[in-house]
Amino acid sequence: MKLTKNLGMLLLAIWLILTGLIALTSFTFTGLPIVMGILAIAAGILILIGR
């Protein structure tokens, strides 16, 4: 299996997987929205700058 070299796409994939797992399992903790927001912003910025 080959992982992508684009860090933005990798972070986006992690964000999507976590979002799906959270929805399916109702997993939650106090800082979850902050962590997910930071992950989404980082992925978006890296995709925009092409990394």
PDB file of N, CA and C in Angstrom:
ATOM      1  N   MET A   1       0.846  -1.175   0.000  1.00  0.00           N
ATOM      2  CA  MET A   1       0.000   0.000   0.000  1.00  0.00           C
ATOM      3  C   MET A   1       0.889   1.235   0.000  1.00  0.00           C
ATOM      4  N   LYS A   2       0.580   2.177  -0.852  1.00  0.00           N
ATOM      5  CA  LYS A   2       1.378   3.392  -0.985  1.00  0.00           C
ATOM      6  C   LYS A   2       0.647   4.570  -0.359  1.00  0.00           C
ATOM      7  N   LEU A   3       1.295   5.222   0.597  1.00  0.00           N
ATOM      8  CA  LEU A   3       0.722   6.420   1.194  1.00  0.00           C
ATOM      9  C   LEU A   3       1.055   7.626   0.339  1.00  0.00           C
ATOM     10  N   THR A   4       0.195   8.591   0.366  1.00  0.00           N
ATOM     11  CA  THR A   4       0.398   9.800  -0.419  1.00  0.00           C
ATOM     12  C   THR A   4       1.560  10.625   0.138  1.00  0.00           C
ATOM     13  N   LYS A   5       2.279  11.286  -0.749  1.00  0.00           N
ATOM     14  CA  LYS A   5       3.378  12.154  -0.333  1.00  0.00           C
ATOM     15  C   LYS A   5       2.875  13.560  -0.034  1.00  0.00           C
ATOM     16  N   ASN A   6       1.629  13.831  -0.366  1.00  0.00           N
ATOM     17  CA  ASN A   6       1.038  15.134  -0.120  1.00  0.00           C
ATOM     18  C   ASN A   6       0.494  15.162   1.304  1.00  0.00           C
ATOM     19  N   LEU A   7       1.151  15.938   2.176  1.00  0.00           N
ATOM     20  CA  LEU A   7       0.776  15.992   3.578  1.00  0.00           C
ATOM     21  C   LEU A   7      -0.641  16.516   3.779  1.00  0.00           C
ATOM     22  N   GLY A   8      -1.062  17.467   2.960  1.00  0.00           N
ATOM     23  CA  GLY A   8      -2.415  18.003   3.069  1.00  0.00           C
ATOM     24  C   GLY A   8      -3.473  16.932   2.815  1.00  0.00           C
ATOM     25  N   MET A   9      -3.259  16.135   1.794  1.00  0.00           N
ATOM     26  CA  MET A   9      -4.210  15.060   1.482  1.00  0.00           C
ATOM     27  C   MET A   9      -4.206  13.991   2.583  1.00  0.00           C
ATOM     28  N   LEU A  10      -3.040  13.732   3.158  1.00  0.00           N
ATOM     29  CA  LEU A  10      -2.958  12.766   4.256  1.00  0.00           C
ATOM     30  C   LEU A  10      -3.742  13.270   5.467  1.00  0.00           C
ATOM     31  N   LEU A  11      -3.588  14.552   5.805  1.00  0.00           N
ATOM     32  CA  LEU A  11      -4.348  15.113   6.924  1.00  0.00           C
ATOM     33  C   LEU A  11      -5.845  15.118   6.630  1.00  0.00           C
ATOM     34  N   LEU A  12      -6.206  15.396   5.383  1.00  0.00           N
ATOM     35  CA  LEU A  12      -7.611  15.361   5.000  1.00  0.00           C
ATOM     36  C   LEU A  12      -8.178  13.953   5.159  1.00  0.00           C
ATOM     37  N   ALA A  13      -7.422  12.955   4.743  1.00  0.00           N
ATOM     38  CA  ALA A  13      -7.863  11.566   4.889  1.00  0.00           C
ATOM     39  C   ALA A  13      -8.051  11.208   6.363  1.00  0.00           C
ATOM     40  N   ILE A  14      -7.114  11.623   7.209  1.00  0.00           N
ATOM     41  CA  ILE A  14      -7.233  11.355   8.648  1.00  0.00           C
ATOM     42  C   ILE A  14      -8.470  12.048   9.210  1.00  0.00           C
ATOM     43  N   TRP A  15      -8.689  13.309   8.798  1.00  0.00           N
ATOM     44  CA  TRP A  15      -9.855  14.047   9.276  1.00  0.00           C
ATOM     45  C   TRP A  15     -11.154  13.352   8.869  1.00  0.00           C
ATOM     46  N   LEU A  16     -11.220  12.906   7.619  1.00  0.00           N
ATOM     47  CA  LEU A  16     -12.436  12.227   7.150  1.00  0.00           C
ATOM     48  C   LEU A  16     -12.680  10.922   7.894  1.00  0.00           C
ATOM     49  N   ILE A  17     -11.630  10.147   8.115  1.00  0.00           N
ATOM     50  CA  ILE A  17     -11.761   8.886   8.840  1.00  0.00           C
ATOM     51  C   ILE A  17     -12.224   9.137  10.270  1.00  0.00           C
ATOM     52  N   LEU A  18     -11.598  10.108  10.944  1.00  0.00           N
ATOM     53  CA  LEU A  18     -11.992  10.419  12.317  1.00  0.00           C
ATOM     54  C   LEU A  18     -13.425  10.928  12.401  1.00  0.00           C
ATOM     55  N   THR A  19     -13.822  11.769  11.440  1.00  0.00           N
ATOM     56  CA  THR A  19     -15.193  12.282  11.422  1.00  0.00           C
ATOM     57  C   THR A  19     -16.194  11.132  11.287  1.00  0.00           C
ATOM     58  N   GLY A  20     -15.897  10.198  10.422  1.00  0.00           N
ATOM     59  CA  GLY A  20     -16.779   9.039  10.247  1.00  0.00           C
ATOM     60  C   GLY A  20     -16.829   8.166  11.480  1.00  0.00           C
ATOM     61  N   LEU A  21     -15.674   7.916  12.084  1.00  0.00           N
ATOM     62  CA  LEU A  21     -15.646   7.089  13.289  1.00  0.00           C
ATOM     63  C   LEU A  21     -16.370   7.755  14.451  1.00  0.00           C
ATOM     64  N   ILE A  22     -16.206   9.059  14.587  1.00  0.00           N
ATOM     65  CA  ILE A  22     -16.889   9.792  15.655  1.00  0.00           C
ATOM     66  C   ILE A  22     -18.402   9.705  15.465  1.00  0.00           C
ATOM     67  N   ALA A  23     -18.864   9.842  14.239  1.00  0.00           N
ATOM     68  CA  ALA A  23     -20.301   9.772  13.962  1.00  0.00           C
ATOM     69  C   ALA A  23     -20.856   8.375  14.237  1.00  0.00           C
ATOM     70  N   LEU A  24     -20.087   7.355  13.890  1.00  0.00           N
ATOM     71  CA  LEU A  24     -20.569   5.985  14.073  1.00  0.00           C
ATOM     72  C   LEU A  24     -20.524   5.519  15.523  1.00  0.00           C
ATOM     73  N   THR A  25     -19.531   5.964  16.261  1.00  0.00           N
ATOM     74  CA  THR A  25     -19.345   5.446  17.621  1.00  0.00           C
ATOM     75  C   THR A  25     -19.773   6.427  18.708  1.00  0.00           C
ATOM     76  N   SER A  26     -20.168   7.637  18.352  1.00  0.00           N
ATOM     77  CA  SER A  26     -20.538   8.688  19.311  1.00  0.00           C
ATOM     78  C   SER A  26     -19.403   8.978  20.289  1.00  0.00           C
ATOM     79  N   PHE A  27     -18.171   8.820  19.825  1.00  0.00           N
ATOM     80  CA  PHE A  27     -16.994   9.096  20.640  1.00  0.00           C
ATOM     81  C   PHE A  27     -16.859  10.601  20.836  1.00  0.00           C
ATOM     82  N   THR A  28     -16.552  11.020  22.050  1.00  0.00           N
ATOM     83  CA  THR A  28     -16.394  12.445  22.313  1.00  0.00           C
ATOM     84  C   THR A  28     -15.479  12.675  23.507  1.00  0.00           C
ATOM     85  N   PHE A  29     -14.810  13.794  23.499  1.00  0.00           N
ATOM     86  CA  PHE A  29     -14.085  14.274  24.667  1.00  0.00           C
ATOM     87  C   PHE A  29     -14.081  15.797  24.616  1.00  0.00           C
ATOM     88  N   THR A  30     -13.637  16.435  25.660  1.00  0.00           N
ATOM     89  CA  THR A  30     -13.779  17.879  25.796  1.00  0.00           C
ATOM     90  C   THR A  30     -13.146  18.668  24.658  1.00  0.00           C
ATOM     91  N   GLY A  31     -11.957  18.312  24.218  1.00  0.00           N
ATOM     92  CA  GLY A  31     -11.264  19.084  23.198  1.00  0.00           C
ATOM     93  C   GLY A  31     -11.486  18.611  21.779  1.00  0.00           C
ATOM     94  N   LEU A  32     -12.416  17.720  21.567  1.00  0.00           N
ATOM     95  CA  LEU A  32     -12.617  17.139  20.237  1.00  0.00           C
ATOM     96  C   LEU A  32     -12.910  18.178  19.147  1.00  0.00           C
ATOM     97  N   PRO A  33     -13.817  19.123  19.347  1.00  0.00           N
ATOM     98  CA  PRO A  33     -14.062  20.112  18.278  1.00  0.00           C
ATOM     99  C   PRO A  33     -12.819  20.932  17.949  1.00  0.00           C
ATOM    100  N   ILE A  34     -12.029  21.244  18.940  1.00  0.00           N
ATOM    101  CA  ILE A  34     -10.810  22.022  18.703  1.00  0.00           C
ATOM    102  C   ILE A  34      -9.810  21.209  17.890  1.00  0.00           C
ATOM    103  N   VAL A  35      -9.614  19.951  18.255  1.00  0.00           N
ATOM    104  CA  VAL A  35      -8.678  19.078  17.537  1.00  0.00           C
ATOM    105  C   VAL A  35      -9.114  18.897  16.092  1.00  0.00           C
ATOM    106  N   MET A  36     -10.399  18.648  15.890  1.00  0.00           N
ATOM    107  CA  MET A  36     -10.908  18.437  14.534  1.00  0.00           C
ATOM    108  C   MET A  36     -10.809  19.728  13.716  1.00  0.00           C
ATOM    109  N   GLY A  37     -11.057  20.864  14.337  1.00  0.00           N
ATOM    110  CA  GLY A  37     -10.940  22.140  13.639  1.00  0.00           C
ATOM    111  C   GLY A  37      -9.511  22.440  13.217  1.00  0.00           C
ATOM    112  N   ILE A  38      -8.568  22.202  14.117  1.00  0.00           N
ATOM    113  CA  ILE A  38      -7.156  22.428  13.803  1.00  0.00           C
ATOM    114  C   ILE A  38      -6.702  21.502  12.687  1.00  0.00           C
ATOM    115  N   LEU A  39      -7.121  20.248  12.746  1.00  0.00           N
ATOM    116  CA  LEU A  39      -6.765  19.277  11.711  1.00  0.00           C
ATOM    117  C   LEU A  39      -7.335  19.696  10.357  1.00  0.00           C
ATOM    118  N   ALA A  40      -8.571  20.165  10.330  1.00  0.00           N
ATOM    119  CA  ALA A  40      -9.199  20.608   9.077  1.00  0.00           C
ATOM    120  C   ALA A  40      -8.498  21.839   8.510  1.00  0.00           C
ATOM    121  N   ILE A  41      -8.179  22.806   9.377  1.00  0.00           N
ATOM    122  CA  ILE A  41      -7.488  24.020   8.912  1.00  0.00           C
ATOM    123  C   ILE A  41      -6.110  23.680   8.370  1.00  0.00           C
ATOM    124  N   ALA A  42      -5.368  22.833   9.078  1.00  0.00           N
ATOM    125  CA  ALA A  42      -4.028  22.449   8.629  1.00  0.00           C
ATOM    126  C   ALA A  42      -4.091  21.744   7.277  1.00  0.00           C
ATOM    127  N   ALA A  43      -5.041  20.828   7.117  1.00  0.00           N
ATOM    128  CA  ALA A  43      -5.181  20.119   5.843  1.00  0.00           C
ATOM    129  C   ALA A  43      -5.520  21.097   4.727  1.00  0.00           C
ATOM    130  N   GLY A  44      -6.447  22.006   4.981  1.00  0.00           N
ATOM    131  CA  GLY A  44      -6.841  22.980   3.962  1.00  0.00           C
ATOM    132  C   GLY A  44      -5.684  23.879   3.537  1.00  0.00           C
ATOM    133  N   ILE A  45      -4.925  24.364   4.492  1.00  0.00           N
ATOM    134  CA  ILE A  45      -3.783  25.230   4.172  1.00  0.00           C
ATOM    135  C   ILE A  45      -2.740  24.471   3.375  1.00  0.00           C
ATOM    136  N   LEU A  46      -2.412  23.261   3.802  1.00  0.00           N
ATOM    137  CA  LEU A  46      -1.396  22.476   3.088  1.00  0.00           C
ATOM    138  C   LEU A  46      -1.834  22.115   1.677  1.00  0.00           C
ATOM    139  N   ILE A  47      -3.116  21.847   1.487  1.00  0.00           N
ATOM    140  CA  ILE A  47      -3.624  21.550   0.144  1.00  0.00           C
ATOM    141  C   ILE A  47      -3.529  22.809  -0.730  1.00  0.00           C
ATOM    142  N   LEU A  48      -3.879  23.965  -0.166  1.00  0.00           N
ATOM    143  CA  LEU A  48      -3.815  25.210  -0.928  1.00  0.00           C
ATOM    144  C   LEU A  48      -2.391  25.564  -1.354  1.00  0.00           C
ATOM    145  N   ILE A  49      -1.424  25.325  -0.483  1.00  0.00           N
ATOM    146  CA  ILE A  49      -0.044  25.668  -0.858  1.00  0.00           C
ATOM    147  C   ILE A  49       0.644  24.538  -1.601  1.00  0.00           C
ATOM    148  N   GLY A  50      -0.053  23.420  -1.756  1.00  0.00           N
ATOM    149  CA  GLY A  50       0.463  22.329  -2.588  1.00  0.00           C
ATOM    150  C   GLY A  50       1.445  21.401  -1.918  1.00  0.00           C
ATOM    151  N   ARG A  51       1.364  21.267  -0.624  1.00  0.00           N
ATOM    152  CA  ARG A  51       2.272  20.371   0.076  1.00  0.00           C
ATOM    153  C   ARG A  51       1.571  19.082   0.349  1.00  0.00           C
TER     154      ARG A  51
END
